[in-house]
């Protein structure tokens, strides 16, 4: 399943603007694709507290 299919499977979250509805990305247990109340796609990452700086490429 690709990320678009995962995103399309999500329903809008109930509640306020600080709520996401998310699903795990297969084969990447520390990553989730989510949708916010406005329908925006979001990638959620679980990282260790030991990591101080993360440089993400190709994110606008």
PDB file of N, CA and C in Angstrom:
ATOM      1  N   UNK A   1       0.840  -1.171   0.000  1.00  0.00           N
ATOM      2  CA  UNK A   1       0.000   0.000   0.000  1.00  0.00           C
ATOM      3  C   UNK A   1       0.895   1.248   0.000  1.00  0.00           C
ATOM      4  N   UNK A   2       0.589   2.217  -0.833  1.00  0.00           N
ATOM      5  CA  UNK A   2       1.404   3.432  -0.867  1.00  0.00           C
ATOM      6  C   UNK A   2       0.815   4.497   0.076  1.00  0.00           C
ATOM      7  N   UNK A   3       1.548   5.592   0.251  1.00  0.00           N
ATOM      8  CA  UNK A   3       1.137   6.625   1.202  1.00  0.00           C
ATOM      9  C   UNK A   3      -0.192   7.277   0.822  1.00  0.00           C
ATOM     10  N   UNK A   4      -0.438   7.444  -0.460  1.00  0.00           N
ATOM     11  CA  UNK A   4      -1.711   8.045  -0.885  1.00  0.00           C
ATOM     12  C   UNK A   4      -2.875   7.140  -0.511  1.00  0.00           C
ATOM     13  N   UNK A   5      -2.714   5.843  -0.719  1.00  0.00           N
ATOM     14  CA  UNK A   5      -3.770   4.903  -0.341  1.00  0.00           C
ATOM     15  C   UNK A   5      -3.989   4.911   1.172  1.00  0.00           C
ATOM     16  N   UNK A   6      -2.902   4.966   1.939  1.00  0.00           N
ATOM     17  CA  UNK A   6      -3.035   5.038   3.394  1.00  0.00           C
ATOM     18  C   UNK A   6      -3.771   6.314   3.799  1.00  0.00           C
ATOM     19  N   UNK A   7      -3.364   7.441   3.219  1.00  0.00           N
ATOM     20  CA  UNK A   7      -4.015   8.719   3.521  1.00  0.00           C
ATOM     21  C   UNK A   7      -5.503   8.660   3.164  1.00  0.00           C
ATOM     22  N   UNK A   8      -5.813   8.111   2.002  1.00  0.00           N
ATOM     23  CA  UNK A   8      -7.211   8.026   1.559  1.00  0.00           C
ATOM     24  C   UNK A   8      -8.056   7.141   2.476  1.00  0.00           C
ATOM     25  N   UNK A   9      -7.416   6.233   3.215  1.00  0.00           N
ATOM     26  CA  UNK A   9      -8.163   5.352   4.118  1.00  0.00           C
ATOM     27  C   UNK A   9      -8.513   6.027   5.446  1.00  0.00           C
ATOM     28  N   UNK A  10      -7.917   7.196   5.700  1.00  0.00           N
ATOM     29  CA  UNK A  10      -8.154   7.893   6.964  1.00  0.00           C
ATOM     30  C   UNK A  10      -9.434   8.721   6.913  1.00  0.00           C
ATOM     31  N   UNK A  11     -10.124   8.760   8.035  1.00  0.00           N
ATOM     32  CA  UNK A  11     -11.289   9.632   8.149  1.00  0.00           C
ATOM     33  C   UNK A  11     -10.887  10.876   8.935  1.00  0.00           C
ATOM     34  N   UNK A  12     -11.634  11.945   8.738  1.00  0.00           N
ATOM     35  CA  UNK A  12     -11.365  13.172   9.470  1.00  0.00           C
ATOM     36  C   UNK A  12     -11.516  12.913  10.966  1.00  0.00           C
ATOM     37  N   UNK A  13     -10.624  13.474  11.770  1.00  0.00           N
ATOM     38  CA  UNK A  13     -10.729  13.265  13.215  1.00  0.00           C
ATOM     39  C   UNK A  13     -11.887  14.059  13.809  1.00  0.00           C
ATOM     40  N   UNK A  14     -12.434  13.540  14.885  1.00  0.00           N
ATOM     41  CA  UNK A  14     -13.445  14.277  15.649  1.00  0.00           C
ATOM     42  C   UNK A  14     -12.712  15.126  16.674  1.00  0.00           C
ATOM     43  N   UNK A  15     -13.226  16.255  16.961  1.00  0.00           N
ATOM     44  CA  UNK A  15     -12.623  17.065  18.012  1.00  0.00           C
ATOM     45  C   UNK A  15     -12.083  18.371  17.499  1.00  0.00           C
ATOM     46  N   UNK A  16     -11.058  18.870  18.203  1.00  0.00           N
ATOM     47  CA  UNK A  16     -10.529  20.189  17.889  1.00  0.00           C
ATOM     48  C   UNK A  16      -9.332  20.117  16.965  1.00  0.00           C
ATOM     49  N   UNK A  17      -8.708  21.261  16.729  1.00  0.00           N
ATOM     50  CA  UNK A  17      -7.612  21.363  15.769  1.00  0.00           C
ATOM     51  C   UNK A  17      -6.340  20.644  16.191  1.00  0.00           C
ATOM     52  N   UNK A  18      -6.245  20.201  17.431  1.00  0.00           N
ATOM     53  CA  UNK A  18      -5.038  19.526  17.909  1.00  0.00           C
ATOM     54  C   UNK A  18      -5.155  18.009  17.863  1.00  0.00           C
ATOM     55  N   UNK A  19      -6.127  17.502  17.139  1.00  0.00           N
ATOM     56  CA  UNK A  19      -6.363  16.069  17.052  1.00  0.00           C
ATOM     57  C   UNK A  19      -6.015  15.582  15.654  1.00  0.00           C
ATOM     58  N   UNK A  20      -5.341  14.436  15.592  1.00  0.00           N
ATOM     59  CA  UNK A  20      -5.010  13.793  14.326  1.00  0.00           C
ATOM     60  C   UNK A  20      -5.613  12.402  14.307  1.00  0.00           C
ATOM     61  N   UNK A  21      -5.914  11.915  13.134  1.00  0.00           N
ATOM     62  CA  UNK A  21      -6.264  10.519  12.932  1.00  0.00           C
ATOM     63  C   UNK A  21      -5.099   9.929  12.151  1.00  0.00           C
ATOM     64  N   UNK A  22      -4.467   8.878  12.669  1.00  0.00           N
ATOM     65  CA  UNK A  22      -3.236   8.366  12.068  1.00  0.00           C
ATOM     66  C   UNK A  22      -3.269   6.859  11.890  1.00  0.00           C
ATOM     67  N   UNK A  23      -2.401   6.391  10.994  1.00  0.00           N
ATOM     68  CA  UNK A  23      -2.233   4.962  10.743  1.00  0.00           C
ATOM     69  C   UNK A  23      -0.744   4.692  10.543  1.00  0.00           C
ATOM     70  N   UNK A  24      -0.293   3.536  11.059  1.00  0.00           N
ATOM     71  CA  UNK A  24       1.118   3.164  10.915  1.00  0.00           C
ATOM     72  C   UNK A  24       1.452   2.898   9.453  1.00  0.00           C
ATOM     73  N   UNK A  25       2.636   3.345   9.048  1.00  0.00           N
ATOM     74  CA  UNK A  25       3.115   3.051   7.700  1.00  0.00           C
ATOM     75  C   UNK A  25       3.724   1.652   7.734  1.00  0.00           C
ATOM     76  N   UNK A  26       3.201   0.713   6.947  1.00  0.00           N
ATOM     77  CA  UNK A  26       3.720  -0.656   6.971  1.00  0.00           C
ATOM     78  C   UNK A  26       5.235  -0.690   6.770  1.00  0.00           C
ATOM     79  N   UNK A  27       5.869  -1.566   7.502  1.00  0.00           N
ATOM     80  CA  UNK A  27       7.318  -1.791   7.471  1.00  0.00           C
ATOM     81  C   UNK A  27       8.108  -0.679   8.151  1.00  0.00           C
ATOM     82  N   UNK A  28       7.443   0.356   8.672  1.00  0.00           N
ATOM     83  CA  UNK A  28       8.107   1.461   9.375  1.00  0.00           C
ATOM     84  C   UNK A  28       7.338   1.723  10.678  1.00  0.00           C
ATOM     85  N   UNK A  29       7.629   0.947  11.701  1.00  0.00           N
ATOM     86  CA  UNK A  29       6.827   0.992  12.926  1.00  0.00           C
ATOM     87  C   UNK A  29       6.893   2.330  13.661  1.00  0.00           C
ATOM     88  N   UNK A  30       7.908   3.149  13.419  1.00  0.00           N
ATOM     89  CA  UNK A  30       8.027   4.437  14.092  1.00  0.00           C
ATOM     90  C   UNK A  30       7.468   5.600  13.275  1.00  0.00           C
ATOM     91  N   UNK A  31       6.787   5.304  12.190  1.00  0.00           N
ATOM     92  CA  UNK A  31       6.257   6.341  11.309  1.00  0.00           C
ATOM     93  C   UNK A  31       4.761   6.166  11.122  1.00  0.00           C
ATOM     94  N   UNK A  32       4.049   7.288  11.107  1.00  0.00           N
ATOM     95  CA  UNK A  32       2.603   7.284  10.877  1.00  0.00           C
ATOM     96  C   UNK A  32       2.270   8.342   9.833  1.00  0.00           C
ATOM     97  N   UNK A  33       1.247   8.069   9.049  1.00  0.00           N
ATOM     98  CA  UNK A  33       0.665   9.107   8.204  1.00  0.00           C
ATOM     99  C   UNK A  33      -0.645   9.479   8.877  1.00  0.00           C
ATOM    100  N   UNK A  34      -0.912  10.773   8.917  1.00  0.00           N
ATOM    101  CA  UNK A  34      -2.082  11.250   9.649  1.00  0.00           C
ATOM    102  C   UNK A  34      -2.821  12.300   8.838  1.00  0.00           C
ATOM    103  N   UNK A  35      -4.032  12.603   9.311  1.00  0.00           N
ATOM    104  CA  UNK A  35      -4.855  13.650   8.730  1.00  0.00           C
ATOM    105  C   UNK A  35      -5.313  14.552   9.877  1.00  0.00           C
ATOM    106  N   UNK A  36      -5.328  15.862   9.629  1.00  0.00           N
ATOM    107  CA  UNK A  36      -5.825  16.771  10.655  1.00  0.00           C
ATOM    108  C   UNK A  36      -7.279  17.134  10.356  1.00  0.00           C
ATOM    109  N   UNK A  37      -7.843  17.978  11.174  1.00  0.00           N
ATOM    110  CA  UNK A  37      -9.261  18.323  11.056  1.00  0.00           C
ATOM    111  C   UNK A  37      -9.586  19.040   9.749  1.00  0.00           C
ATOM    112  N   UNK A  38      -8.557  19.654   9.109  1.00  0.00           N
ATOM    113  CA  UNK A  38      -8.751  20.341   7.833  1.00  0.00           C
ATOM    114  C   UNK A  38      -8.441  19.456   6.625  1.00  0.00           C
ATOM    115  N   UNK A  39      -8.052  18.205   6.866  1.00  0.00           N
ATOM    116  CA  UNK A  39      -7.755  17.285   5.774  1.00  0.00           C
ATOM    117  C   UNK A  39      -6.319  17.317   5.296  1.00  0.00           C
ATOM    118  N   UNK A  40      -5.449  18.026   6.015  1.00  0.00           N
ATOM    119  CA  UNK A  40      -4.039  18.092   5.628  1.00  0.00           C
ATOM    120  C   UNK A  40      -3.319  16.788   5.973  1.00  0.00           C
ATOM    121  N   UNK A  41      -2.486  16.282   5.065  1.00  0.00           N
ATOM    122  CA  UNK A  41      -1.695  15.096   5.380  1.00  0.00           C
ATOM    123  C   UNK A  41      -0.513  15.473   6.270  1.00  0.00           C
ATOM    124  N   UNK A  42      -0.183  14.589   7.199  1.00  0.00           N
ATOM    125  CA  UNK A  42       0.897  14.826   8.156  1.00  0.00           C
ATOM    126  C   UNK A  42       1.678  13.529   8.314  1.00  0.00           C
ATOM    127  N   UNK A  43       3.009  13.648   8.362  1.00  0.00           N
ATOM    128  CA  UNK A  43       3.855  12.503   8.667  1.00  0.00           C
ATOM    129  C   UNK A  43       4.317  12.662  10.114  1.00  0.00           C
ATOM    130  N   UNK A  44       4.067  11.651  10.932  1.00  0.00           N
ATOM    131  CA  UNK A  44       4.475  11.667  12.329  1.00  0.00           C
ATOM    132  C   UNK A  44       5.654  10.726  12.503  1.00  0.00           C
ATOM    133  N   UNK A  45       6.683  11.186  13.209  1.00  0.00           N
ATOM    134  CA  UNK A  45       7.895  10.409  13.440  1.00  0.00           C
ATOM    135  C   UNK A  45       8.078  10.196  14.930  1.00  0.00           C
ATOM    136  N   UNK A  46       8.464   9.001  15.309  1.00  0.00           N
ATOM    137  CA  UNK A  46       8.823   8.727  16.686  1.00  0.00           C
ATOM    138  C   UNK A  46      10.343   8.674  16.746  1.00  0.00           C
ATOM    139  N   UNK A  47      10.923   9.563  17.546  1.00  0.00           N
ATOM    140  CA  UNK A  47      12.378   9.624  17.641  1.00  0.00           C
ATOM    141  C   UNK A  47      12.818   9.552  19.094  1.00  0.00           C
ATOM    142  N   UNK A  48      14.048   9.159  19.299  1.00  0.00           N
ATOM    143  CA  UNK A  48      14.631   9.050  20.622  1.00  0.00           C
ATOM    144  C   UNK A  48      14.893  10.437  21.194  1.00  0.00           C
ATOM    145  N   UNK A  49      14.797  10.565  22.495  1.00  0.00           N
ATOM    146  CA  UNK A  49      15.113  11.834  23.152  1.00  0.00           C
ATOM    147  C   UNK A  49      16.580  12.217  22.985  1.00  0.00           C
ATOM    148  N   UNK A  50      17.434  11.260  22.654  1.00  0.00           N
ATOM    149  CA  UNK A  50      18.860  11.538  22.495  1.00  0.00           C
ATOM    150  C   UNK A  50      19.151  12.323  21.220  1.00  0.00           C
ATOM    151  N   UNK A  51      18.216  12.330  20.303  1.00  0.00           N
ATOM    152  CA  UNK A  51      18.423  13.048  19.038  1.00  0.00           C
ATOM    153  C   UNK A  51      18.095  14.520  19.268  1.00  0.00           C
ATOM    154  N   UNK A  52      19.069  15.388  19.033  1.00  0.00           N
ATOM    155  CA  UNK A  52      18.888  16.826  19.268  1.00  0.00           C
ATOM    156  C   UNK A  52      18.411  17.569  18.024  1.00  0.00           C
ATOM    157  N   UNK A  53      19.007  17.267  16.888  1.00  0.00           N
ATOM    158  CA  UNK A  53      18.669  17.970  15.645  1.00  0.00           C
ATOM    159  C   UNK A  53      18.370  16.960  14.554  1.00  0.00           C
ATOM    160  N   UNK A  54      17.307  17.203  13.841  1.00  0.00           N
ATOM    161  CA  UNK A  54      16.936  16.349  12.719  1.00  0.00           C
ATOM    162  C   UNK A  54      16.836  17.226  11.488  1.00  0.00           C
ATOM    163  N   UNK A  55      17.538  16.854  10.448  1.00  0.00           N
ATOM    164  CA  UNK A  55      17.475  17.593   9.192  1.00  0.00           C
ATOM    165  C   UNK A  55      16.632  16.785   8.203  1.00  0.00           C
ATOM    166  N   UNK A  56      15.520  17.360   7.781  1.00  0.00           N
ATOM    167  CA  UNK A  56      14.632  16.699   6.836  1.00  0.00           C
ATOM    168  C   UNK A  56      14.799  17.378   5.480  1.00  0.00           C
ATOM    169  N   UNK A  57      15.024  16.579   4.464  1.00  0.00           N
ATOM    170  CA  UNK A  57      15.179  17.117   3.114  1.00  0.00           C
ATOM    171  C   UNK A  57      13.861  16.986   2.366  1.00  0.00           C
ATOM    172  N   UNK A  58      13.671  17.886   1.421  1.00  0.00           N
ATOM    173  CA  UNK A  58      12.526  17.844   0.506  1.00  0.00           C
ATOM    174  C   UNK A  58      11.182  18.069   1.186  1.00  0.00           C
ATOM    175  N   UNK A  59      11.179  18.769   2.301  1.00  0.00           N
ATOM    176  CA  UNK A  59       9.945  19.167   2.940  1.00  0.00           C
ATOM    177  C   UNK A  59       9.758  20.653   2.747  1.00  0.00           C
ATOM    178  N   UNK A  60       8.618  21.035   2.217  1.00  0.00           N
ATOM    179  CA  UNK A  60       8.374  22.470   1.952  1.00  0.00           C
ATOM    180  C   UNK A  60       7.524  23.058   3.056  1.00  0.00           C
TER     181      UNK A  60
END
